[in-house]
PDB file of N, CA and C in Angstrom:
ATOM      1  N   UNK A   1      96.216 193.815 157.715  1.00  0.00           N
ATOM      2  CA  UNK A   1      96.973 192.904 156.916  1.00  0.00           C
ATOM      3  C   UNK A   1      98.248 192.636 158.093  1.00  0.00           C
ATOM      4  N   UNK A   2      98.741 191.230 158.173  1.00  0.00           N
ATOM      5  CA  UNK A   2      99.289 190.774 158.868  1.00  0.00           C
ATOM      6  C   UNK A   2     101.141 190.860 158.377  1.00  0.00           C
ATOM      7  N   UNK A   3     101.823 190.854 159.281  1.00  0.00           N
ATOM      8  CA  UNK A   3     103.147 191.215 158.986  1.00  0.00           C
ATOM      9  C   UNK A   3     104.427 190.127 158.763  1.00  0.00           C
ATOM     10  N   UNK A   4     104.143 189.063 159.369  1.00  0.00           N
ATOM     11  CA  UNK A   4     104.888 187.988 159.606  1.00  0.00           C
ATOM     12  C   UNK A   4     104.947 186.813 158.774  1.00  0.00           C
ATOM     13  N   UNK A   5     105.941 186.407 158.132  1.00  0.00           N
ATOM     14  CA  UNK A   5     105.828 185.389 156.155  1.00  0.00           C
ATOM     15  C   UNK A   5     104.956 184.396 156.874  1.00  0.00           C
ATOM     16  N   UNK A   6     105.007 183.873 158.055  1.00  0.00           N
ATOM     17  CA  UNK A   6     104.381 182.759 158.465  1.00  0.00           C
ATOM     18  C   UNK A   6     103.028 182.896 158.398  1.00  0.00           C
ATOM     19  N   UNK A   7     102.111 183.932 158.907  1.00  0.00           N
ATOM     20  CA  UNK A   7     100.799 184.518 159.223  1.00  0.00           C
ATOM     21  C   UNK A   7     100.418 184.699 157.821  1.00  0.00           C
ATOM     22  N   UNK A   8     101.029 184.866 156.491  1.00  0.00           N
ATOM     23  CA  UNK A   8     101.163 185.564 155.338  1.00  0.00           C
ATOM     24  C   UNK A   8     100.489 184.432 154.627  1.00  0.00           C
ATOM     25  N   UNK A   9     101.803 183.356 154.906  1.00  0.00           N
ATOM     26  CA  UNK A   9     101.548 181.743 154.552  1.00  0.00           C
ATOM     27  C   UNK A   9     100.021 181.107 154.605  1.00  0.00           C
ATOM     28  N   UNK A  10      99.859 181.341 156.006  1.00  0.00           N
ATOM     29  CA  UNK A  10      98.463 180.435 156.437  1.00  0.00           C
ATOM     30  C   UNK A  10      97.585 181.496 155.971  1.00  0.00           C
ATOM     31  N   UNK A  11      97.502 182.866 155.704  1.00  0.00           N
ATOM     32  CA  UNK A  11      96.252 183.756 155.084  1.00  0.00           C
ATOM     33  C   UNK A  11      96.155 183.533 153.644  1.00  0.00           C
ATOM     34  N   UNK A  12      97.085 182.813 153.045  1.00  0.00           N
ATOM     35  CA  UNK A  12      97.282 182.407 151.663  1.00  0.00           C
ATOM     36  C   UNK A  12      96.696 181.562 151.624  1.00  0.00           C
ATOM     37  N   UNK A  13      97.280 180.189 152.042  1.00  0.00           N
ATOM     38  CA  UNK A  13      96.405 179.196 152.487  1.00  0.00           C
ATOM     39  C   UNK A  13      94.880 178.932 152.651  1.00  0.00           C
ATOM     40  N   UNK A  14      94.549 180.012 153.503  1.00  0.00           N
ATOM     41  CA  UNK A  14      93.092 179.852 154.086  1.00  0.00           C
ATOM     42  C   UNK A  14      92.397 180.419 152.745  1.00  0.00           C
ATOM     43  N   UNK A  15      92.758 181.077 151.814  1.00  0.00           N
ATOM     44  CA  UNK A  15      91.848 182.058 150.712  1.00  0.00           C
ATOM     45  C   UNK A  15      91.649 181.081 149.751  1.00  0.00           C
ATOM     46  N   UNK A  16      93.099 180.363 149.149  1.00  0.00           N
ATOM     47  CA  UNK A  16      93.197 179.201 148.293  1.00  0.00           C
ATOM     48  C   UNK A  16      92.341 177.673 148.431  1.00  0.00           C
ATOM     49  N   UNK A  17      92.634 177.743 150.060  1.00  0.00           N
ATOM     50  CA  UNK A  17      91.731 176.025 150.272  1.00  0.00           C
ATOM     51  C   UNK A  17      90.747 176.841 151.288  1.00  0.00           C
ATOM     52  N   UNK A  18      89.859 176.779 151.328  1.00  0.00           N
ATOM     53  CA  UNK A  18      88.461 177.158 152.114  1.00  0.00           C
ATOM     54  C   UNK A  18      88.517 176.323 153.387  1.00  0.00           C
ATOM     55  N   UNK A  19      88.949 174.888 153.142  1.00  0.00           N
ATOM     56  CA  UNK A  19      88.488 173.794 153.897  1.00  0.00           C
ATOM     57  C   UNK A  19      89.553 173.812 155.048  1.00  0.00           C
ATOM     58  N   UNK A  20      90.266 174.739 155.071  1.00  0.00           N
ATOM     59  CA  UNK A  20      91.016 175.298 156.199  1.00  0.00           C
ATOM     60  C   UNK A  20      91.013 176.396 157.021  1.00  0.00           C
ATOM     61  N   UNK A  21      90.022 177.270 156.342  1.00  0.00           N
ATOM     62  CA  UNK A  21      89.739 178.279 156.818  1.00  0.00           C
ATOM     63  C   UNK A  21      88.947 178.612 158.558  1.00  0.00           C
ATOM     64  N   UNK A  22      88.565 177.523 158.738  1.00  0.00           N
ATOM     65  CA  UNK A  22      88.201 177.291 159.940  1.00  0.00           C
ATOM     66  C   UNK A  22      89.205 176.784 161.295  1.00  0.00           C
ATOM     67  N   UNK A  23      90.049 176.779 160.856  1.00  0.00           N
ATOM     68  CA  UNK A  23      91.579 176.558 161.514  1.00  0.00           C
ATOM     69  C   UNK A  23      92.049 177.429 162.167  1.00  0.00           C
ATOM     70  N   UNK A  24      92.119 177.638 163.374  1.00  0.00           N
ATOM     71  CA  UNK A  24      93.027 178.839 163.771  1.00  0.00           C
ATOM     72  C   UNK A  24      94.498 178.871 163.379  1.00  0.00           C
ATOM     73  N   UNK A  25      95.270 179.641 163.847  1.00  0.00           N
ATOM     74  CA  UNK A  25      96.545 179.761 163.618  1.00  0.00           C
ATOM     75  C   UNK A  25      97.191 178.971 163.988  1.00  0.00           C
ATOM     76  N   UNK A  26      97.169 178.477 165.298  1.00  0.00           N
ATOM     77  CA  UNK A  26      97.399 177.175 165.799  1.00  0.00           C
ATOM     78  C   UNK A  26      97.480 175.823 165.275  1.00  0.00           C
ATOM     79  N   UNK A  27      96.446 175.551 164.458  1.00  0.00           N
ATOM     80  CA  UNK A  27      95.805 174.379 164.384  1.00  0.00           C
ATOM     81  C   UNK A  27      96.496 174.588 162.736  1.00  0.00           C
ATOM     82  N   UNK A  28      96.107 175.034 161.920  1.00  0.00           N
ATOM     83  CA  UNK A  28      96.837 175.396 160.610  1.00  0.00           C
ATOM     84  C   UNK A  28      98.364 175.504 160.764  1.00  0.00           C
ATOM     85  N   UNK A  29      99.275 176.059 161.817  1.00  0.00           N
ATOM     86  CA  UNK A  29     100.839 175.968 161.758  1.00  0.00           C
ATOM     87  C   UNK A  29     101.109 174.458 162.000  1.00  0.00           C
ATOM     88  N   UNK A  30     100.295 174.043 163.106  1.00  0.00           N
ATOM     89  CA  UNK A  30     101.048 172.603 163.425  1.00  0.00           C
ATOM     90  C   UNK A  30     101.140 172.030 162.082  1.00  0.00           C
ATOM     91  N   UNK A  31      99.706 171.913 161.431  1.00  0.00           N
ATOM     92  CA  UNK A  31      99.636 171.416 160.058  1.00  0.00           C
ATOM     93  C   UNK A  31     100.757 171.355 158.784  1.00  0.00           C
ATOM     94  N   UNK A  32     100.951 172.578 158.762  1.00  0.00           N
ATOM     95  CA  UNK A  32     102.047 173.186 157.753  1.00  0.00           C
ATOM     96  C   UNK A  32     103.361 173.137 157.916  1.00  0.00           C
ATOM     97  N   UNK A  33     103.784 173.825 159.202  1.00  0.00           N
ATOM     98  CA  UNK A  33     105.417 173.800 159.426  1.00  0.00           C
ATOM     99  C   UNK A  33     106.182 172.768 160.509  1.00  0.00           C
ATOM    100  N   UNK A  34     107.413 172.267 160.683  1.00  0.00           N
ATOM    101  CA  UNK A  34     107.466 171.233 161.659  1.00  0.00           C
ATOM    102  C   UNK A  34     107.454 172.141 162.629  1.00  0.00           C
ATOM    103  N   UNK A  35     108.236 173.169 163.288  1.00  0.00           N
ATOM    104  CA  UNK A  35     107.830 173.401 164.671  1.00  0.00           C
ATOM    105  C   UNK A  35     108.019 174.890 164.640  1.00  0.00           C
ATOM    106  N   UNK A  36     107.669 175.442 165.774  1.00  0.00           N
ATOM    107  CA  UNK A  36     107.449 177.289 165.651  1.00  0.00           C
ATOM    108  C   UNK A  36     108.665 177.803 165.598  1.00  0.00           C
ATOM    109  N   UNK A  37     109.852 177.582 165.469  1.00  0.00           N
ATOM    110  CA  UNK A  37     110.806 178.213 165.218  1.00  0.00           C
ATOM    111  C   UNK A  37     111.689 178.453 163.712  1.00  0.00           C
ATOM    112  N   UNK A  38     110.804 177.512 162.654  1.00  0.00           N
ATOM    113  CA  UNK A  38     111.526 177.156 161.352  1.00  0.00           C
ATOM    114  C   UNK A  38     110.250 177.325 160.686  1.00  0.00           C
ATOM    115  N   UNK A  39     110.598 177.884 159.186  1.00  0.00           N
ATOM    116  CA  UNK A  39     109.630 178.085 157.979  1.00  0.00           C
ATOM    117  C   UNK A  39     110.043 176.703 157.191  1.00  0.00           C
ATOM    118  N   UNK A  40     110.858 175.232 157.781  1.00  0.00           N
ATOM    119  CA  UNK A  40     110.626 174.328 157.611  1.00  0.00           C
ATOM    120  C   UNK A  40     108.767 173.508 157.182  1.00  0.00           C
ATOM    121  N   UNK A  41     109.105 173.261 155.735  1.00  0.00           N
ATOM    122  CA  UNK A  41     107.539 172.347 155.892  1.00  0.00           C
ATOM    123  C   UNK A  41     107.639 171.070 156.095  1.00  0.00           C
ATOM    124  N   UNK A  42     106.095 170.862 156.914  1.00  0.00           N
ATOM    125  CA  UNK A  42     105.719 169.241 156.519  1.00  0.00           C
ATOM    126  C   UNK A  42     105.725 169.152 155.023  1.00  0.00           C
ATOM    127  N   UNK A  43     105.030 167.699 154.860  1.00  0.00           N
ATOM    128  CA  UNK A  43     104.809 167.073 153.594  1.00  0.00           C
ATOM    129  C   UNK A  43     103.390 168.166 153.371  1.00  0.00           C
ATOM    130  N   UNK A  44     102.339 168.215 154.139  1.00  0.00           N
ATOM    131  CA  UNK A  44     100.749 168.893 154.087  1.00  0.00           C
ATOM    132  C   UNK A  44     101.521 170.267 153.215  1.00  0.00           C
ATOM    133  N   UNK A  45     102.448 170.780 154.162  1.00  0.00           N
ATOM    134  CA  UNK A  45     102.278 171.862 153.618  1.00  0.00           C
ATOM    135  C   UNK A  45     103.504 172.141 152.262  1.00  0.00           C
ATOM    136  N   UNK A  46     104.265 171.120 151.896  1.00  0.00           N
ATOM    137  CA  UNK A  46     104.968 171.098 150.735  1.00  0.00           C
ATOM    138  C   UNK A  46     103.800 170.921 149.470  1.00  0.00           C
ATOM    139  N   UNK A  47     102.483 170.227 149.814  1.00  0.00           N
ATOM    140  CA  UNK A  47     102.146 169.529 148.725  1.00  0.00           C
ATOM    141  C   UNK A  47     100.960 171.192 148.510  1.00  0.00           C
ATOM    142  N   UNK A  48     100.941 171.537 149.490  1.00  0.00           N
ATOM    143  CA  UNK A  48      99.802 172.681 149.444  1.00  0.00           C
ATOM    144  C   UNK A  48     100.569 173.966 148.762  1.00  0.00           C
ATOM    145  N   UNK A  49     101.614 174.158 149.134  1.00  0.00           N
ATOM    146  CA  UNK A  49     102.626 175.472 149.024  1.00  0.00           C
ATOM    147  C   UNK A  49     102.882 175.065 147.283  1.00  0.00           C
ATOM    148  N   UNK A  50     103.544 174.071 147.370  1.00  0.00           N
ATOM    149  CA  UNK A  50     103.928 173.705 146.180  1.00  0.00           C
ATOM    150  C   UNK A  50     103.181 173.638 144.452  1.00  0.00           C
ATOM    151  N   UNK A  51     101.534 173.886 144.892  1.00  0.00           N
ATOM    152  CA  UNK A  51     100.346 173.998 144.636  1.00  0.00           C
ATOM    153  C   UNK A  51      99.962 175.137 144.190  1.00  0.00           C
ATOM    154  N   UNK A  52     100.642 176.404 144.846  1.00  0.00           N
ATOM    155  CA  UNK A  52     100.199 177.581 144.984  1.00  0.00           C
ATOM    156  C   UNK A  52     101.965 178.520 144.631  1.00  0.00           C
ATOM    157  N   UNK A  53     102.483 177.705 144.655  1.00  0.00           N
ATOM    158  CA  UNK A  53     103.849 178.624 143.905  1.00  0.00           C
ATOM    159  C   UNK A  53     105.156 177.694 143.667  1.00  0.00           C
ATOM    160  N   UNK A  54     105.730 177.961 142.643  1.00  0.00           N
ATOM    161  CA  UNK A  54     106.893 177.376 141.663  1.00  0.00           C
ATOM    162  C   UNK A  54     107.984 177.126 143.201  1.00  0.00           C
ATOM    163  N   UNK A  55     108.502 175.861 142.628  1.00  0.00           N
ATOM    164  CA  UNK A  55     109.283 175.206 143.421  1.00  0.00           C
ATOM    165  C   UNK A  55     110.885 175.132 142.528  1.00  0.00           C
ATOM    166  N   UNK A  56     111.899 174.836 143.394  1.00  0.00           N
ATOM    167  CA  UNK A  56     112.750 174.317 143.024  1.00  0.00           C
ATOM    168  C   UNK A  56     113.729 173.327 143.321  1.00  0.00           C
ATOM    169  N   UNK A  57     113.551 172.643 142.508  1.00  0.00           N
ATOM    170  CA  UNK A  57     114.223 171.152 143.538  1.00  0.00           C
ATOM    171  C   UNK A  57     115.832 170.917 143.413  1.00  0.00           C
ATOM    172  N   UNK A  58     116.247 170.396 144.339  1.00  0.00           N
ATOM    173  CA  UNK A  58     117.699 170.131 144.272  1.00  0.00           C
ATOM    174  C   UNK A  58     117.921 168.612 145.011  1.00  0.00           C
ATOM    175  N   UNK A  59     118.830 167.987 144.351  1.00  0.00           N
ATOM    176  CA  UNK A  59     119.166 166.651 144.995  1.00  0.00           C
ATOM    177  C   UNK A  59     120.461 166.508 145.703  1.00  0.00           C
ATOM    178  N   UNK A  60     120.021 166.051 146.907  1.00  0.00           N
ATOM    179  CA  UNK A  60     121.110 166.221 147.716  1.00  0.00           C
ATOM    180  C   UNK A  60     122.019 164.640 147.527  1.00  0.00           C
ATOM    181  N   UNK A  61     123.343 164.579 147.317  1.00  0.00           N
ATOM    182  CA  UNK A  61     124.179 163.219 147.645  1.00  0.00           C
ATOM    183  C   UNK A  61     124.035 162.445 148.513  1.00  0.00           C
ATOM    184  N   UNK A  62     123.999 163.417 149.604  1.00  0.00           N
ATOM    185  CA  UNK A  62     124.434 162.853 151.355  1.00  0.00           C
ATOM    186  C   UNK A  62     123.484 163.340 152.229  1.00  0.00           C
ATOM    187  N   UNK A  63     123.150 163.019 153.523  1.00  0.00           N
ATOM    188  CA  UNK A  63     122.582 164.155 154.303  1.00  0.00           C
ATOM    189  C   UNK A  63     122.830 165.751 155.117  1.00  0.00           C
ATOM    190  N   UNK A  64     122.226 166.097 154.967  1.00  0.00           N
ATOM    191  CA  UNK A  64     122.505 167.255 155.669  1.00  0.00           C
ATOM    192  C   UNK A  64     123.432 167.086 157.261  1.00  0.00           C
ATOM    193  N   UNK A  65     124.374 167.814 157.306  1.00  0.00           N
ATOM    194  CA  UNK A  65     125.012 167.942 159.147  1.00  0.00           C
ATOM    195  C   UNK A  65     123.522 168.609 159.628  1.00  0.00           C
ATOM    196  N   UNK A  66     123.904 168.776 160.777  1.00  0.00           N
ATOM    197  CA  UNK A  66     123.360 169.448 162.032  1.00  0.00           C
ATOM    198  C   UNK A  66     123.675 170.825 161.669  1.00  0.00           C
ATOM    199  N   UNK A  67     124.992 171.251 161.310  1.00  0.00           N
ATOM    200  CA  UNK A  67     124.931 172.598 160.988  1.00  0.00           C
ATOM    201  C   UNK A  67     124.336 173.155 159.670  1.00  0.00           C
ATOM    202  N   UNK A  68     123.922 172.649 158.441  1.00  0.00           N
ATOM    203  CA  UNK A  68     124.057 172.812 157.861  1.00  0.00           C
ATOM    204  C   UNK A  68     122.085 172.885 157.693  1.00  0.00           C
ATOM    205  N   UNK A  69     121.449 171.894 158.989  1.00  0.00           N
ATOM    206  CA  UNK A  69     120.143 172.075 159.104  1.00  0.00           C
ATOM    207  C   UNK A  69     120.107 173.484 159.704  1.00  0.00           C
ATOM    208  N   UNK A  70     120.753 173.888 160.950  1.00  0.00           N
ATOM    209  CA  UNK A  70     120.924 175.224 161.778  1.00  0.00           C
ATOM    210  C   UNK A  70     120.809 176.561 160.195  1.00  0.00           C
ATOM    211  N   UNK A  71     121.527 176.313 159.153  1.00  0.00           N
ATOM    212  CA  UNK A  71     121.782 176.939 158.825  1.00  0.00           C
ATOM    213  C   UNK A  71     120.337 177.489 157.852  1.00  0.00           C
ATOM    214  N   UNK A  72     119.710 176.353 156.995  1.00  0.00           N
ATOM    215  CA  UNK A  72     118.801 176.313 156.519  1.00  0.00           C
ATOM    216  C   UNK A  72     118.076 177.203 156.969  1.00  0.00           C
ATOM    217  N   UNK A  73     117.428 176.716 158.354  1.00  0.00           N
ATOM    218  CA  UNK A  73     116.743 177.515 159.549  1.00  0.00           C
ATOM    219  C   UNK A  73     117.188 178.799 159.729  1.00  0.00           C
ATOM    220  N   UNK A  74     118.108 179.074 159.503  1.00  0.00           N
ATOM    221  CA  UNK A  74     118.639 180.881 159.915  1.00  0.00           C
ATOM    222  C   UNK A  74     119.009 181.698 159.459  1.00  0.00           C
ATOM    223  N   UNK A  75     119.324 181.108 157.878  1.00  0.00           N
ATOM    224  CA  UNK A  75     119.609 182.198 156.718  1.00  0.00           C
ATOM    225  C   UNK A  75     118.754 182.024 155.624  1.00  0.00           C
ATOM    226  N   UNK A  76     117.892 180.709 155.368  1.00  0.00           N
ATOM    227  CA  UNK A  76     117.384 180.984 153.797  1.00  0.00           C
ATOM    228  C   UNK A  76     116.166 181.699 153.944  1.00  0.00           C
ATOM    229  N   UNK A  77     115.551 182.224 154.841  1.00  0.00           N
ATOM    230  CA  UNK A  77     114.215 182.966 155.198  1.00  0.00           C
ATOM    231  C   UNK A  77     113.165 182.768 154.291  1.00  0.00           C
ATOM    232  N   UNK A  78     113.135 182.039 153.776  1.00  0.00           N
ATOM    233  CA  UNK A  78     111.723 181.587 153.416  1.00  0.00           C
ATOM    234  C   UNK A  78     111.566 179.815 153.006  1.00  0.00           C
ATOM    235  N   UNK A  79     110.310 179.842 153.189  1.00  0.00           N
ATOM    236  CA  UNK A  79     109.447 177.862 153.304  1.00  0.00           C
ATOM    237  C   UNK A  79     110.422 177.289 152.401  1.00  0.00           C
ATOM    238  N   UNK A  80     110.925 175.933 152.946  1.00  0.00           N
ATOM    239  CA  UNK A  80     111.911 175.596 152.454  1.00  0.00           C
ATOM    240  C   UNK A  80     111.215 173.734 152.637  1.00  0.00           C
ATOM    241  N   UNK A  81     112.013 172.648 152.047  1.00  0.00           N
ATOM    242  CA  UNK A  81     110.451 171.435 152.065  1.00  0.00           C
ATOM    243  C   UNK A  81     112.370 170.080 152.038  1.00  0.00           C
ATOM    244  N   UNK A  82     112.390 169.448 153.022  1.00  0.00           N
ATOM    245  CA  UNK A  82     113.643 168.732 152.664  1.00  0.00           C
ATOM    246  C   UNK A  82     112.943 167.188 153.219  1.00  0.00           C
ATOM    247  N   UNK A  83     112.847 166.508 151.805  1.00  0.00           N
ATOM    248  CA  UNK A  83     112.303 165.443 151.896  1.00  0.00           C
ATOM    249  C   UNK A  83     112.533 164.454 153.366  1.00  0.00           C
ATOM    250  N   UNK A  84     111.641 163.423 153.700  1.00  0.00           N
ATOM    251  CA  UNK A  84     112.303 162.521 154.631  1.00  0.00           C
ATOM    252  C   UNK A  84     113.827 161.603 154.617  1.00  0.00           C
ATOM    253  N   UNK A  85     113.364 161.719 153.098  1.00  0.00           N
ATOM    254  CA  UNK A  85     114.871 160.511 153.463  1.00  0.00           C
ATOM    255  C   UNK A  85     115.847 161.769 153.443  1.00  0.00           C
ATOM    256  N   UNK A  86     115.818 163.217 153.057  1.00  0.00           N
ATOM    257  CA  UNK A  86     116.985 163.493 153.301  1.00  0.00           C
ATOM    258  C   UNK A  86     117.737 163.626 151.726  1.00  0.00           C
ATOM    259  N   UNK A  87     116.775 163.262 150.560  1.00  0.00           N
ATOM    260  CA  UNK A  87     117.470 162.523 148.985  1.00  0.00           C
ATOM    261  C   UNK A  87     117.045 164.315 148.324  1.00  0.00           C
ATOM    262  N   UNK A  88     116.247 164.996 148.750  1.00  0.00           N
ATOM    263  CA  UNK A  88     115.637 166.009 148.277  1.00  0.00           C
ATOM    264  C   UNK A  88     115.882 167.385 148.848  1.00  0.00           C
ATOM    265  N   UNK A  89     115.977 168.606 148.429  1.00  0.00           N
ATOM    266  CA  UNK A  89     115.513 169.780 149.425  1.00  0.00           C
ATOM    267  C   UNK A  89     114.761 170.634 148.067  1.00  0.00           C
ATOM    268  N   UNK A  90     113.573 171.453 148.720  1.00  0.00           N
ATOM    269  CA  UNK A  90     112.989 171.939 147.549  1.00  0.00           C
ATOM    270  C   UNK A  90     112.954 173.602 147.900  1.00  0.00           C
ATOM    271  N   UNK A  91     113.132 174.543 147.597  1.00  0.00           N
ATOM    272  CA  UNK A  91     113.088 175.895 147.868  1.00  0.00           C
ATOM    273  C   UNK A  91     112.135 176.613 147.095  1.00  0.00           C
ATOM    274  N   UNK A  92     111.128 177.314 147.598  1.00  0.00           N
ATOM    275  CA  UNK A  92     110.088 178.171 147.317  1.00  0.00           C
ATOM    276  C   UNK A  92     110.521 179.551 147.113  1.00  0.00           C
ATOM    277  N   UNK A  93     111.835 180.172 146.549  1.00  0.00           N
ATOM    278  CA  UNK A  93     111.970 181.663 146.685  1.00  0.00           C
ATOM    279  C   UNK A  93     113.367 181.524 145.327  1.00  0.00           C
ATOM    280  N   UNK A  94     112.961 182.295 144.053  1.00  0.00           N
ATOM    281  CA  UNK A  94     113.642 182.069 143.188  1.00  0.00           C
ATOM    282  C   UNK A  94     114.721 182.910 143.358  1.00  0.00           C
ATOM    283  N   UNK A  95     115.040 183.393 143.941  1.00  0.00           N
ATOM    284  CA  UNK A  95     116.470 184.417 144.672  1.00  0.00           C
ATOM    285  C   UNK A  95     117.466 183.450 145.275  1.00  0.00           C
ATOM    286  N   UNK A  96     117.018 182.561 146.381  1.00  0.00           N
ATOM    287  CA  UNK A  96     117.415 181.247 146.554  1.00  0.00           C
ATOM    288  C   UNK A  96     117.926 180.697 145.570  1.00  0.00           C
ATOM    289  N   UNK A  97     117.512 179.764 145.079  1.00  0.00           N
ATOM    290  CA  UNK A  97     117.633 179.068 143.993  1.00  0.00           C
ATOM    291  C   UNK A  97     118.323 179.710 142.969  1.00  0.00           C
ATOM    292  N   UNK A  98     118.637 180.868 142.738  1.00  0.00           N
ATOM    293  CA  UNK A  98     119.475 181.339 141.935  1.00  0.00           C
ATOM    294  C   UNK A  98     120.668 182.113 142.253  1.00  0.00           C
ATOM    295  N   UNK A  99     120.673 182.071 143.468  1.00  0.00           N
ATOM    296  CA  UNK A  99     121.763 181.820 144.456  1.00  0.00           C
ATOM    297  C   UNK A  99     122.860 180.582 144.318  1.00  0.00           C
ATOM    298  N   UNK A 100     121.930 179.723 144.708  1.00  0.00           N
ATOM    299  CA  UNK A 100     122.389 178.009 144.812  1.00  0.00           C
ATOM    300  C   UNK A 100     122.907 177.278 143.720  1.00  0.00           C
ATOM    301  N   UNK A 101     122.128 178.339 142.405  1.00  0.00           N
ATOM    302  CA  UNK A 101     122.619 178.066 141.063  1.00  0.00           C
ATOM    303  C   UNK A 101     124.166 178.464 140.922  1.00  0.00           C
ATOM    304  N   UNK A 102     124.290 179.495 141.216  1.00  0.00           N
ATOM    305  CA  UNK A 102     125.694 180.669 140.772  1.00  0.00           C
ATOM    306  C   UNK A 102     126.541 179.291 141.364  1.00  0.00           C
ATOM    307  N   UNK A 103     126.380 178.807 142.097  1.00  0.00           N
ATOM    308  CA  UNK A 103     127.134 178.082 143.067  1.00  0.00           C
ATOM    309  C   UNK A 103     127.399 176.465 142.476  1.00  0.00           C
ATOM    310  N   UNK A 104     126.340 176.521 141.008  1.00  0.00           N
ATOM    311  CA  UNK A 104     127.002 175.059 140.561  1.00  0.00           C
ATOM    312  C   UNK A 104     125.876 174.033 141.665  1.00  0.00           C
ATOM    313  N   UNK A 105     124.817 174.488 142.060  1.00  0.00           N
ATOM    314  CA  UNK A 105     124.412 173.960 142.605  1.00  0.00           C
ATOM    315  C   UNK A 105     123.850 172.838 143.605  1.00  0.00           C
ATOM    316  N   UNK A 106     125.520 172.978 144.093  1.00  0.00           N
ATOM    317  CA  UNK A 106     125.682 172.165 145.399  1.00  0.00           C
ATOM    318  C   UNK A 106     125.229 172.926 146.611  1.00  0.00           C
ATOM    319  N   UNK A 107     124.388 172.215 147.391  1.00  0.00           N
ATOM    320  CA  UNK A 107     123.157 172.704 148.427  1.00  0.00           C
ATOM    321  C   UNK A 107     124.586 172.625 149.500  1.00  0.00           C
ATOM    322  N   UNK A 108     125.327 171.623 149.873  1.00  0.00           N
ATOM    323  CA  UNK A 108     125.794 172.300 150.749  1.00  0.00           C
ATOM    324  C   UNK A 108     127.375 172.946 150.661  1.00  0.00           C
ATOM    325  N   UNK A 109     127.493 173.115 149.419  1.00  0.00           N
ATOM    326  CA  UNK A 109     128.886 174.546 149.330  1.00  0.00           C
ATOM    327  C   UNK A 109     127.739 175.630 149.478  1.00  0.00           C
ATOM    328  N   UNK A 110     126.441 175.828 149.055  1.00  0.00           N
ATOM    329  CA  UNK A 110     125.776 176.984 149.532  1.00  0.00           C
ATOM    330  C   UNK A 110     125.309 177.081 150.635  1.00  0.00           C
ATOM    331  N   UNK A 111     125.278 176.194 151.274  1.00  0.00           N
ATOM    332  CA  UNK A 111     125.064 176.454 152.863  1.00  0.00           C
ATOM    333  C   UNK A 111     126.069 176.780 153.898  1.00  0.00           C
ATOM    334  N   UNK A 112     126.965 176.082 152.964  1.00  0.00           N
ATOM    335  CA  UNK A 112     128.638 176.072 153.879  1.00  0.00           C
ATOM    336  C   UNK A 112     128.853 177.832 153.546  1.00  0.00           C
ATOM    337  N   UNK A 113     128.365 178.530 152.248  1.00  0.00           N
ATOM    338  CA  UNK A 113     128.722 179.994 152.072  1.00  0.00           C
ATOM    339  C   UNK A 113     128.162 180.618 153.029  1.00  0.00           C
ATOM    340  N   UNK A 114     126.780 180.117 153.403  1.00  0.00           N
ATOM    341  CA  UNK A 114     125.366 181.160 154.232  1.00  0.00           C
ATOM    342  C   UNK A 114     125.910 180.939 155.618  1.00  0.00           C
ATOM    343  N   UNK A 115     127.051 179.656 156.071  1.00  0.00           N
ATOM    344  CA  UNK A 115     127.569 180.090 157.070  1.00  0.00           C
ATOM    345  C   UNK A 115     128.248 180.507 157.590  1.00  0.00           C
ATOM    346  N   UNK A 116     129.425 180.681 156.269  1.00  0.00           N
ATOM    347  CA  UNK A 116     130.752 181.494 156.810  1.00  0.00           C
ATOM    348  C   UNK A 116     130.391 183.279 155.854  1.00  0.00           C
ATOM    349  N   UNK A 117     129.324 183.191 155.800  1.00  0.00           N
ATOM    350  CA  UNK A 117     128.890 184.949 155.662  1.00  0.00           C
ATOM    351  C   UNK A 117     128.265 185.205 156.466  1.00  0.00           C
ATOM    352  N   UNK A 118     128.120 184.677 157.658  1.00  0.00           N
ATOM    353  CA  UNK A 118     127.027 184.899 158.546  1.00  0.00           C
ATOM    354  C   UNK A 118     127.850 185.075 159.971  1.00  0.00           C
TER     355      UNK A 118
END
């Protein structure tokens, strides 16, 4: 059994979607994730994972800053998808969604809290 979250996600995709079974980890990784250092999803990754798991959708009134994007990358710890136009954020973690909702569902405030507490 593989231990990294990325590897577990790739394994789960291969089980659910046999058409991806022949791809190497690198090939599938490049289709699913934005970059090797993040679990931010590409559109295909979002489509596949949203079919497999529950998603939590949040509207953004304005684009996230670089500092906020880094907070997503460094502190969220579970897959997320940010629409290309920057208008919506999708989380795949009920724990993160719960914490964000405790703060009124304001993504920017939640990210600022993550920044200040780390």
